[in-house]
Amino acid sequence: MGIPEFRDVVKHPAIRNPLRSRRLTSSVKLLLVLAIICLAGLLLVSKFYPREHKLNGLLVDLELTGPDPGRYGELRDALTRRLQDEVASLRNLQVAVSYVHFTELAPSILDSAELDFLILSPQSTPWRMYHGEAGLYLELAKDILKRIIADGKIPVLGICGGHQFLAITFGGSVDFIDPRFAGSYPERYPREAAAERGLVSLHTLKEDPILAGVVRHPGVFQVMESHYEEVKAVPPPFVNLARSEMSEAQLMRIPGKKVYGLAFHPERGWDPTNDPALGKTAGKQILANFLLMVANRDVHETNAH
C-alpha cells in the first residue's frame, strides 16, 4: 500500500474540518447554558408567582339564635376577597368559605376530601344559655371538633367565641371577665359588665409562625377586641402565646398542629379611616399567616399592607 498523498489526508472528515467539531462542541455548551438559565428562570417565576391555589373553608356558626348564612359577612369578605386584594403573597390564592350552623354540623365532615380549613365563629350569647336541645347539639359539635383535631388533617381557627369554644371542648373554663358576674346565668351579656373592647395591646409569651411579620418575642402588638367572657384556664394540649393587661389567654395553639384560638377579631380594624392607629392592627397579617399555613407556604413570605 502506498503512502497517501497530502491532499487525500486533508480530505478525511476529522482532519479536513477541525473547526466544525469545535463549533459543534461550543453549540452544545451554549444550549446547555441556555437550558440552565431557562430552568432557573422557571424556578424563580414559580417562587415569586406561584400558580393559582384554591382553598375551601367551612365557617361553623356558633351563634345560639339559629342558622343565618348572611352572618359574619365581614369575616367572610376578609377571607375570600380582602386578603387576596391587600396581601401580595395571597393574590394567586382563591378562597371559598361555605357555611354551617353548629346544630347542623355532621360527622360526615370528617370524610370531606375537599375541606382545607375550619373557622369557628364568634358568638354573642353567654355560653351558659346553651342548654336543652342547643346544649345537646353543642356537645355533638365538641365531639366532632375533637375528632377533626385528633385527625390532624384540617387546620382550625377559632375567633373570639370560637376561641372560647376550643377551650371548652378540651376541658378549659370560660367565664365573665368581670368578677361580679362570674358564675351567673344572664340571658344576654350585661352592658354594665366589664368587657375588653376596641384597640387592645397584647404581649407575646412565645414565638410562633402565626406572628410572623407581626412582632418578635418578646414584643407587643395591637388587635381589635369585643368580649365579655374569657378563657380562664388554657387546657392542654394548648399553649398560650399572648396576653393583655385585662385577659390572660389571648392567642392559644396546639403545638405541632395548625390549630389556633384568637380571643380577638382579626377581621376588624383594617381601615384607619377614623383612627390612624387602627392601621397598625395585626389582624390582617395573622389571618394571612393562617391561610399561608393552610396552603403549606412559608409564612415569612407574606407581606400585608
Protein backbone atom coordinates (compact mmCIF):
# COMPACT_ATOMS: atom_id res chain seq x y z
CA MET A 1 0.00 0.00 0.00
CA GLY A 2 1.39 3.38 -0.96
CA ILE A 3 1.72 6.37 1.28
CA PRO A 4 -1.36 8.62 0.90
CA GLU A 5 -0.79 11.97 -0.64
CA PHE A 6 -1.30 15.09 1.46
CA ARG A 7 -4.48 16.04 -0.45
CA ASP A 8 -6.01 12.67 0.47
CA VAL A 9 -5.18 13.12 4.14
CA VAL A 10 -6.79 16.53 4.42
CA LYS A 11 -9.96 15.15 2.83
CA HIS A 12 -10.52 12.90 5.92
CA PRO A 13 -13.50 14.36 7.94
CA ALA A 14 -11.55 14.54 11.19
CA ILE A 15 -8.67 16.35 9.54
CA ARG A 16 -10.46 18.26 6.83
CA ASN A 17 -12.73 20.35 9.13
CA PRO A 18 -11.36 20.55 12.70
CA LEU A 19 -13.16 23.88 13.26
CA ARG A 20 -16.54 22.24 12.63
CA SER A 21 -16.04 19.89 15.60
CA ARG A 22 -15.11 22.82 17.81
CA ARG A 23 -18.20 24.75 16.67
CA LEU A 24 -20.46 21.77 17.47
CA THR A 25 -18.94 21.49 20.95
CA SER A 26 -19.44 25.21 21.54
CA SER A 27 -23.03 24.99 20.32
CA VAL A 28 -23.79 22.13 22.72
CA LYS A 29 -22.27 24.09 25.60
CA LEU A 30 -24.30 27.16 24.65
CA LEU A 31 -27.51 25.12 24.53
CA LEU A 32 -26.75 23.68 27.96
CA VAL A 33 -26.15 27.14 29.40
CA LEU A 34 -29.40 28.42 27.87
CA ALA A 35 -31.29 25.42 29.27
CA ILE A 36 -29.90 26.07 32.76
CA ILE A 37 -30.84 29.76 32.52
CA CYS A 38 -34.39 28.86 31.41
CA LEU A 39 -34.75 26.35 34.25
CA ALA A 40 -33.52 28.89 36.80
CA GLY A 41 -35.97 31.42 35.38
CA LEU A 42 -38.86 28.98 35.72
CA LEU A 43 -37.90 28.26 39.32
CA LEU A 44 -37.80 31.98 40.13
CA VAL A 45 -41.17 32.55 38.47
CA SER A 46 -42.71 29.67 40.40
CA LYS A 47 -41.29 31.06 43.65
CA PHE A 48 -42.46 34.64 43.26
CA TYR A 49 -45.50 33.97 41.08
CA PRO A 50 -46.75 30.54 42.17
CA ARG A 51 -49.62 29.01 40.27
CA GLU A 52 -53.15 29.68 41.41
CA HIS A 53 -54.11 27.76 44.53
CA LYS A 54 -57.66 27.09 45.70
CA LEU A 55 -58.70 26.60 49.31
CA ASN A 56 -62.09 25.54 50.61
CA GLY A 57 -63.03 26.55 54.13
CA LEU A 58 -66.04 25.92 56.34
CA LEU A 59 -67.39 28.53 58.74
CA VAL A 60 -69.10 26.91 61.73
CA ASP A 61 -71.63 29.37 63.15
CA LEU A 62 -71.72 29.08 66.94
CA GLU A 63 -74.47 31.67 67.49
CA LEU A 64 -77.39 30.38 69.57
CA THR A 65 -80.13 32.17 67.65
CA GLY A 66 -80.19 29.73 64.74
CA PRO A 67 -78.83 29.49 61.20
CA ASP A 68 -78.17 32.66 59.22
CA PRO A 69 -75.82 32.26 56.23
CA GLY A 70 -75.55 36.04 55.97
CA ARG A 71 -73.99 36.32 59.42
CA TYR A 72 -70.31 37.25 59.77
CA GLY A 73 -70.16 38.93 56.38
CA GLU A 74 -67.12 40.99 57.39
CA LEU A 75 -65.16 37.87 58.31
CA ARG A 76 -66.12 36.01 55.14
CA ASP A 77 -65.27 39.01 52.98
CA ALA A 78 -61.87 39.28 54.66
CA LEU A 79 -61.09 35.61 53.97
CA THR A 80 -62.41 35.39 50.42
CA ARG A 81 -61.63 38.83 48.94
CA ARG A 82 -59.83 41.45 51.01
CA LEU A 83 -56.80 39.37 51.94
CA GLN A 84 -56.20 38.50 48.30
CA ASP A 85 -56.56 42.17 47.30
CA GLU A 86 -54.33 43.55 50.04
CA VAL A 87 -51.70 40.88 50.74
CA ALA A 88 -49.21 40.35 47.91
CA SER A 89 -48.38 36.72 48.73
CA LEU A 90 -52.07 35.74 48.65
CA ARG A 91 -53.03 37.29 45.32
CA ASN A 92 -52.95 33.96 43.48
CA LEU A 93 -54.95 32.23 46.24
CA GLN A 94 -58.66 31.59 45.71
CA VAL A 95 -60.56 31.03 48.95
CA ALA A 96 -64.14 29.82 49.19
CA VAL A 97 -65.93 29.66 52.55
CA SER A 98 -69.12 27.64 52.98
CA TYR A 99 -71.42 27.88 55.99
CA VAL A 100 -72.95 25.55 58.54
CA HIS A 101 -74.70 26.23 61.86
CA PHE A 102 -73.41 24.18 64.77
CA THR A 103 -76.82 22.48 65.08
CA GLU A 104 -76.37 21.13 61.54
CA LEU A 105 -72.76 20.01 61.87
CA ALA A 106 -72.49 16.33 60.91
CA PRO A 107 -69.73 13.75 61.46
CA SER A 108 -69.52 13.31 57.67
CA ILE A 109 -67.38 16.48 57.67
CA LEU A 110 -64.53 14.21 58.74
CA ASP A 111 -64.70 12.40 55.42
CA SER A 112 -64.63 15.53 53.26
CA ALA A 113 -61.64 15.43 50.93
CA GLU A 114 -62.33 18.97 49.72
CA LEU A 115 -62.24 20.76 53.09
CA ASP A 116 -58.98 22.64 53.66
CA PHE A 117 -59.68 24.56 56.88
CA LEU A 118 -62.31 25.19 59.55
CA ILE A 119 -63.31 28.54 61.10
CA LEU A 120 -65.13 28.60 64.45
CA SER A 121 -67.18 31.79 64.54
CA PRO A 122 -67.69 34.41 67.24
CA GLN A 123 -70.98 34.39 69.16
CA SER A 124 -72.99 36.97 71.16
CA THR A 125 -74.79 34.81 73.73
CA PRO A 126 -73.40 33.63 77.10
CA TRP A 127 -72.30 30.00 76.93
CA ARG A 128 -74.46 29.07 79.92
CA MET A 129 -77.54 29.70 77.76
CA TYR A 130 -76.65 26.75 75.53
CA HIS A 131 -78.84 24.19 77.27
CA GLY A 132 -81.63 21.82 76.31
CA GLU A 133 -81.57 20.85 72.62
CA ALA A 134 -78.94 23.51 71.83
CA GLY A 135 -76.73 22.05 74.54
CA LEU A 136 -77.01 18.58 73.00
CA TYR A 137 -76.03 19.92 69.57
CA LEU A 138 -73.12 21.79 71.16
CA GLU A 139 -71.86 18.58 72.76
CA LEU A 140 -72.06 16.84 69.38
CA ALA A 141 -70.12 19.72 67.82
CA LYS A 142 -67.45 19.34 70.52
CA ASP A 143 -67.08 15.64 69.73
CA ILE A 144 -66.75 16.32 66.00
CA LEU A 145 -64.21 19.08 66.63
CA LYS A 146 -62.10 16.81 68.85
CA ARG A 147 -62.06 14.15 66.14
CA ILE A 148 -61.09 16.68 63.47
CA ILE A 149 -58.20 17.95 65.58
CA ALA A 150 -57.08 14.45 66.55
CA ASP A 151 -57.04 13.51 62.86
CA GLY A 152 -54.73 16.48 62.23
CA LYS A 153 -55.57 16.97 58.56
CA ILE A 154 -57.79 20.07 58.77
CA PRO A 155 -56.39 23.32 60.21
CA VAL A 156 -58.72 25.07 62.65
CA LEU A 157 -59.03 28.75 63.61
CA GLY A 158 -61.33 29.83 66.44
CA ILE A 159 -62.21 33.53 66.61
CA CYS A 160 -63.45 35.21 69.82
CA GLY A 161 -66.31 32.86 70.83
CA GLY A 162 -64.70 30.23 68.61
CA HIS A 163 -61.54 30.60 70.68
CA GLN A 164 -63.60 30.04 73.82
CA PHE A 165 -65.33 27.04 72.25
CA LEU A 166 -61.95 25.44 71.53
CA ALA A 167 -61.04 25.85 75.21
CA ILE A 168 -64.38 24.47 76.41
CA THR A 169 -64.09 21.48 74.06
CA PHE A 170 -60.79 20.46 75.64
CA GLY A 171 -61.88 20.99 79.23
CA GLY A 172 -60.88 24.62 79.76
CA SER A 173 -63.01 27.06 81.72
CA VAL A 174 -64.74 30.17 80.37
CA ASP A 175 -66.44 32.85 82.48
CA PHE A 176 -67.06 36.58 82.69
CA ILE A 177 -64.09 38.93 82.76
CA ASP A 178 -65.94 40.96 85.38
CA PRO A 179 -65.73 39.02 88.69
CA ARG A 180 -69.11 40.48 89.76
CA PHE A 181 -70.80 38.29 87.15
CA ALA A 182 -68.67 35.15 87.48
CA GLY A 183 -70.84 32.05 87.72
CA SER A 184 -74.04 33.97 86.84
CA TYR A 185 -76.58 32.98 84.18
CA PRO A 186 -77.74 36.12 82.34
CA GLU A 187 -79.61 35.59 79.08
CA ARG A 188 -77.60 38.37 77.46
CA TYR A 189 -74.28 39.99 78.22
CA PRO A 190 -74.95 42.77 80.78
CA ARG A 191 -73.96 46.19 79.47
CA GLU A 192 -72.66 47.17 82.88
CA ALA A 193 -70.24 44.25 82.98
CA ALA A 194 -66.57 44.92 82.34
CA ALA A 195 -65.52 43.94 78.83
CA GLU A 196 -62.46 44.09 76.64
CA ARG A 197 -63.36 46.31 73.68
CA GLY A 198 -61.68 48.26 70.93
CA LEU A 199 -57.96 48.51 70.29
CA VAL A 200 -56.01 46.40 72.78
CA SER A 201 -52.26 45.79 73.17
CA LEU A 202 -51.16 42.18 73.53
CA HIS A 203 -47.85 40.96 74.94
CA THR A 204 -46.25 37.88 73.41
CA LEU A 205 -45.48 34.90 75.63
CA LYS A 206 -43.85 32.70 72.99
CA GLU A 207 -42.54 32.87 69.43
CA ASP A 208 -44.85 31.36 66.80
CA PRO A 209 -45.26 31.39 62.99
CA ILE A 210 -48.75 32.89 63.32
CA LEU A 211 -47.00 36.10 64.42
CA ALA A 212 -44.53 36.19 61.51
CA GLY A 213 -44.34 39.73 60.16
CA VAL A 214 -46.25 41.00 63.21
CA VAL A 215 -43.84 41.00 66.12
CA ARG A 216 -40.86 39.13 67.51
CA HIS A 217 -40.95 37.73 71.01
CA PRO A 218 -40.81 39.44 73.41
CA GLY A 219 -42.96 42.13 71.88
CA VAL A 220 -46.29 43.94 71.78
CA PHE A 221 -48.90 44.07 69.02
CA GLN A 222 -52.39 45.55 68.70
CA VAL A 223 -55.71 43.90 67.87
CA MET A 224 -59.43 44.64 67.97
CA GLU A 225 -61.34 43.06 70.85
CA SER A 226 -65.01 42.66 71.78
CA HIS A 227 -65.78 40.13 74.52
CA TYR A 228 -67.35 39.89 77.97
CA GLU A 229 -66.21 36.32 78.67
CA GLU A 230 -62.69 34.97 78.60
CA VAL A 231 -60.79 31.70 78.76
CA LYS A 232 -59.92 31.38 82.44
CA ALA A 233 -57.72 28.30 82.07
CA VAL A 234 -55.96 27.23 78.88
CA PRO A 235 -56.44 23.46 78.63
CA PRO A 236 -53.80 21.01 77.46
CA PRO A 237 -52.62 20.39 74.81
CA PHE A 238 -52.95 24.13 74.05
CA VAL A 239 -50.28 26.68 74.98
CA ASN A 240 -50.89 30.40 75.45
CA LEU A 241 -48.98 32.70 73.08
CA ALA A 242 -50.14 36.18 74.14
CA ARG A 243 -51.86 38.08 76.94
CA SER A 244 -53.33 41.51 77.63
CA GLU A 245 -53.48 43.55 80.83
CA MET A 246 -57.14 42.53 81.30
CA SER A 247 -57.26 38.98 79.94
CA GLU A 248 -54.58 36.34 80.18
CA ALA A 249 -55.45 33.91 77.34
CA GLN A 250 -55.47 35.86 74.08
CA LEU A 251 -53.88 33.58 71.50
CA MET A 252 -53.53 29.85 72.01
CA ARG A 253 -52.26 26.98 69.87
CA ILE A 254 -51.82 23.23 69.92
CA PRO A 255 -48.07 22.75 69.29
CA GLY A 256 -47.33 20.75 66.17
CA LYS A 257 -50.83 21.31 64.77
CA LYS A 258 -52.39 24.13 62.75
CA VAL A 259 -54.99 24.77 65.45
CA TYR A 260 -55.31 28.29 66.84
CA GLY A 261 -57.69 30.24 69.03
CA LEU A 262 -57.83 34.05 68.90
CA ALA A 263 -59.65 35.95 71.64
CA PHE A 264 -59.75 38.98 69.32
CA HIS A 265 -61.29 39.79 65.92
CA PRO A 266 -58.59 39.64 63.21
CA GLU A 267 -61.10 40.69 60.54
CA ARG A 268 -61.61 44.12 62.14
CA GLY A 269 -59.58 47.30 62.30
CA TRP A 270 -58.01 47.21 58.83
CA ASP A 271 -59.26 50.64 57.75
CA PRO A 272 -57.64 53.61 59.54
CA THR A 273 -60.48 55.93 58.49
CA ASN A 274 -61.28 57.35 61.92
CA ASP A 275 -58.26 56.33 63.96
CA PRO A 276 -54.79 56.19 62.31
CA ALA A 277 -53.70 53.69 64.97
CA LEU A 278 -56.06 51.09 63.51
CA GLY A 279 -53.79 50.77 60.51
CA LYS A 280 -51.28 49.04 62.77
CA THR A 281 -53.53 46.24 63.96
CA ALA A 282 -52.15 42.75 63.46
CA GLY A 283 -55.37 41.03 62.41
CA LYS A 284 -54.78 41.14 58.67
CA GLN A 285 -51.29 39.69 58.97
CA ILE A 286 -52.42 36.95 61.35
CA LEU A 287 -55.25 35.86 59.04
CA ALA A 288 -52.82 35.91 56.11
CA ASN A 289 -50.34 33.77 58.05
CA PHE A 290 -53.05 31.23 58.83
CA LEU A 291 -54.05 30.92 55.16
CA LEU A 292 -50.40 30.55 54.17
CA MET A 293 -50.09 27.72 56.68
CA VAL A 294 -53.19 26.08 55.25
CA ALA A 295 -51.69 26.36 51.75
CA ASN A 296 -48.40 24.93 53.10
CA ARG A 297 -46.43 28.05 52.20
CA ASP A 298 -43.70 29.86 54.07
CA VAL A 299 -45.39 32.40 56.34
CA HIS A 300 -42.29 34.58 56.18
CA GLU A 301 -43.13 35.40 52.56
CA THR A 302 -46.32 37.23 53.49
CA ASN A 303 -46.46 40.99 53.12
CA ALA A 304 -49.68 42.57 54.38
CA HIS A 305 -50.17 46.31 53.89
